[in-house]
Amino acid sequence: MSDKQQKATAYWKENVRYLFMLLIIWFVVSYGAGILFKDALDTFQIGGFKLGFWFAQQGSIYVFVVLIFVYVRLMNKLDKKYGYNE
C-alpha cells in the first residue's frame, strides 16, 4: 500500500472513531437523560422544569449543536495533522 493510501486510511479510521464517540455522547444525552435516567434527573429543576423533562425537550438539542462545533474543531485538527487542511 502506498504512503498516500496509508495516510488516507489512518485519517478515515480516526474520523470514524471521533464520529462514534460523539454519537455515543449524543445517544447517552438524548436517550439516556431524556428517557432512561428521567426519574433520577427529575429530582433536580432547571428554569422551573424538571431536569429529565428539560433534557427530553431542550437539552438534547443543545448538546447536539455543541457536538457539531466539537466535531468541526476535531476535524480541523485532524485535517492539519494529516495535511488535508486548506
Protein backbone atom coordinates (compact mmCIF):
# COMPACT_ATOMS: atom_id res chain seq x y z
CA MET A 1 0.00 0.00 0.00
CA SER A 2 1.29 3.44 -0.88
CA ASP A 3 2.07 6.14 1.65
CA LYS A 4 -0.89 8.20 0.39
CA GLN A 5 -3.29 5.29 0.91
CA GLN A 6 -1.93 4.60 4.40
CA LYS A 7 -2.37 8.24 5.33
CA ALA A 8 -5.93 8.26 3.97
CA THR A 9 -6.78 5.03 5.82
CA ALA A 10 -5.41 6.38 9.11
CA TYR A 11 -7.32 9.64 8.58
CA TRP A 12 -10.57 7.78 7.93
CA LYS A 13 -10.14 5.49 10.95
CA GLU A 14 -9.57 8.45 13.25
CA ASN A 15 -12.54 10.27 11.71
CA VAL A 16 -14.83 7.27 12.31
CA ARG A 17 -13.56 6.99 15.89
CA TYR A 18 -14.49 10.63 16.51
CA LEU A 19 -17.91 10.06 14.97
CA PHE A 20 -18.63 7.06 17.18
CA MET A 21 -17.52 8.91 20.32
CA LEU A 22 -19.71 11.91 19.54
CA LEU A 23 -22.69 9.75 18.59
CA ILE A 24 -22.38 7.81 21.83
CA ILE A 25 -22.38 11.08 23.78
CA TRP A 26 -25.44 12.27 21.87
CA PHE A 27 -27.22 8.94 22.45
CA VAL A 28 -26.49 8.99 26.19
CA VAL A 29 -27.75 12.57 26.49
CA SER A 30 -30.84 12.25 24.31
CA TYR A 31 -31.97 8.71 25.10
CA GLY A 32 -30.33 8.24 28.48
CA ALA A 33 -31.07 11.60 30.08
CA GLY A 34 -34.44 12.04 28.41
CA ILE A 35 -35.80 8.50 28.88
CA LEU A 36 -33.67 6.09 30.91
CA PHE A 37 -32.47 8.41 33.68
CA LYS A 38 -35.53 10.69 33.60
CA ASP A 39 -36.80 9.75 37.05
CA ALA A 40 -33.42 10.33 38.70
CA LEU A 41 -32.96 13.66 36.89
CA ASP A 42 -36.47 14.82 37.76
CA THR A 43 -35.32 15.38 41.34
CA PHE A 44 -33.49 18.49 40.04
CA GLN A 45 -35.00 21.51 38.34
CA ILE A 46 -33.70 23.94 35.76
CA GLY A 47 -35.69 27.06 34.94
CA GLY A 48 -38.68 25.73 36.88
CA PHE A 49 -38.83 22.48 34.89
CA LYS A 50 -37.79 19.02 35.94
CA LEU A 51 -34.35 18.22 34.57
CA GLY A 52 -35.42 14.96 32.88
CA PHE A 53 -38.19 16.79 31.03
CA TRP A 54 -35.81 19.61 30.10
CA PHE A 55 -33.29 17.17 28.60
CA ALA A 56 -36.02 15.43 26.64
CA GLN A 57 -37.34 18.73 25.24
CA GLN A 58 -34.36 21.08 25.01
CA GLY A 59 -31.16 19.69 26.44
CA SER A 60 -30.50 17.06 23.81
CA ILE A 61 -30.88 19.68 21.07
CA TYR A 62 -28.37 21.98 22.79
CA VAL A 63 -25.94 19.11 23.26
CA PHE A 64 -26.32 18.17 19.59
CA VAL A 65 -25.46 21.73 18.49
CA VAL A 66 -22.43 21.78 20.80
CA LEU A 67 -21.33 18.41 19.40
CA ILE A 68 -21.46 19.86 15.88
CA PHE A 69 -18.98 22.56 16.92
CA VAL A 70 -16.81 19.98 18.70
CA TYR A 71 -16.80 17.83 15.54
CA VAL A 72 -15.77 20.80 13.39
CA ARG A 73 -12.91 21.57 15.78
CA LEU A 74 -11.77 17.93 15.86
CA MET A 75 -11.91 17.65 12.08
CA ASN A 76 -9.90 20.86 11.62
CA LYS A 77 -7.21 19.43 13.90
CA LEU A 78 -7.35 16.11 12.06
CA ASP A 79 -7.06 17.84 8.68
CA LYS A 80 -3.97 19.71 9.85
CA LYS A 81 -2.48 16.54 11.32
CA TYR A 82 -2.75 14.65 8.03
CA GLY A 83 -2.08 17.61 5.74
CA TYR A 84 -5.59 17.95 4.29
CA ASN A 85 -6.17 21.50 5.52
CA GLU A 86 -6.87 24.21 3.03
